[in-house]
Amino acid sequence: MAAVFAIYGSREATEHLSFEPRSREEVRSIVERSVAVATTTPRSEYVLAVVER
């Protein structure tokens, strides 16, 4: 959640995106929803992430 908030909560990072910076609670909801929809059948929404190993 912290990594997503670092981007979604930043005015500089979201300057050219289609939304304004999000609050911590908004980001928490986005992450929780993304995890929940990943288990639905049929799956109608896909969210991608990059993880550094």
C-alpha atoms as a PDB file:
ATOM      1  CA  MET A   1       0.000   0.000   0.000  1.00  0.00           C
ATOM      2  CA  ALA A   2       2.834   2.411   0.837  1.00  0.00           C
ATOM      3  CA  ALA A   3       4.404   2.066  -2.612  1.00  0.00           C
ATOM      4  CA  VAL A   4       1.102   2.749  -4.377  1.00  0.00           C
ATOM      5  CA  PHE A   5       0.472   5.746  -2.106  1.00  0.00           C
ATOM      6  CA  ALA A   6       3.935   7.110  -2.922  1.00  0.00           C
ATOM      7  CA  ILE A   7       2.737   7.475  -6.513  1.00  0.00           C
ATOM      8  CA  TYR A   8      -1.023   8.016  -6.200  1.00  0.00           C
ATOM      9  CA  GLY A   9      -0.596  10.476  -3.330  1.00  0.00           C
ATOM     10  CA  SER A  10       2.034  12.602  -5.049  1.00  0.00           C
ATOM     11  CA  ARG A  11       0.991  15.791  -6.851  1.00  0.00           C
ATOM     12  CA  GLU A  12       4.143  15.601  -8.973  1.00  0.00           C
ATOM     13  CA  ALA A  13       3.624  11.940  -9.929  1.00  0.00           C
ATOM     14  CA  THR A  14      -0.055  12.433 -10.828  1.00  0.00           C
ATOM     15  CA  GLU A  15       0.429  15.728 -12.659  1.00  0.00           C
ATOM     16  CA  HIS A  16      -0.097  14.134 -16.086  1.00  0.00           C
ATOM     17  CA  LEU A  17      -2.442  11.345 -15.033  1.00  0.00           C
ATOM     18  CA  SER A  18      -6.229  11.395 -15.326  1.00  0.00           C
ATOM     19  CA  PHE A  19      -6.778  11.950 -11.579  1.00  0.00           C
ATOM     20  CA  GLU A  20      -5.730  14.206  -8.726  1.00  0.00           C
ATOM     21  CA  PRO A  21      -3.548  12.903  -5.871  1.00  0.00           C
ATOM     22  CA  ARG A  22      -5.386  10.380  -3.701  1.00  0.00           C
ATOM     23  CA  SER A  23      -5.560  10.214   0.087  1.00  0.00           C
ATOM     24  CA  ARG A  24      -4.164   7.279   2.054  1.00  0.00           C
ATOM     25  CA  GLU A  25      -7.701   5.984   2.611  1.00  0.00           C
ATOM     26  CA  GLU A  26      -8.542   6.252  -1.103  1.00  0.00           C
ATOM     27  CA  VAL A  27      -5.386   4.312  -1.993  1.00  0.00           C
ATOM     28  CA  ARG A  28      -6.186   1.681   0.645  1.00  0.00           C
ATOM     29  CA  SER A  29      -9.644   1.220  -0.923  1.00  0.00           C
ATOM     30  CA  ILE A  30      -8.160   0.965  -4.421  1.00  0.00           C
ATOM     31  CA  VAL A  31      -5.667  -1.703  -3.333  1.00  0.00           C
ATOM     32  CA  GLU A  32      -8.284  -3.685  -1.394  1.00  0.00           C
ATOM     33  CA  ARG A  33     -10.711  -3.561  -4.333  1.00  0.00           C
ATOM     34  CA  SER A  34      -7.992  -4.647  -6.762  1.00  0.00           C
ATOM     35  CA  VAL A  35      -7.189  -7.683  -4.621  1.00  0.00           C
ATOM     36  CA  ALA A  36     -10.882  -8.562  -4.260  1.00  0.00           C
ATOM     37  CA  VAL A  37     -11.711  -8.363  -7.986  1.00  0.00           C
ATOM     38  CA  ALA A  38      -8.718 -10.551  -8.824  1.00  0.00           C
ATOM     39  CA  THR A  39     -10.614 -13.524  -7.375  1.00  0.00           C
ATOM     40  CA  THR A  40     -13.964 -12.979  -9.107  1.00  0.00           C
ATOM     41  CA  THR A  41     -15.292 -15.285 -11.798  1.00  0.00           C
ATOM     42  CA  PRO A  42     -15.679 -14.310 -14.506  1.00  0.00           C
ATOM     43  CA  ARG A  43     -12.958 -11.765 -14.052  1.00  0.00           C
ATOM     44  CA  SER A  44     -13.862  -8.440 -15.651  1.00  0.00           C
ATOM     45  CA  GLU A  45     -11.112  -6.204 -14.330  1.00  0.00           C
ATOM     46  CA  TYR A  46      -7.337  -6.553 -14.362  1.00  0.00           C
ATOM     47  CA  VAL A  47      -4.831  -4.532 -12.352  1.00  0.00           C
ATOM     48  CA  LEU A  48      -1.124  -4.846 -12.989  1.00  0.00           C
ATOM     49  CA  ALA A  49       1.791  -4.160 -10.684  1.00  0.00           C
ATOM     50  CA  VAL A  50       5.568  -4.232 -10.902  1.00  0.00           C
ATOM     51  CA  VAL A  51       7.534  -5.808  -8.072  1.00  0.00           C
ATOM     52  CA  GLU A  52      11.283  -5.467  -7.639  1.00  0.00           C
ATOM     53  CA  ARG A  53      12.868  -8.697  -6.478  1.00  0.00           C
END
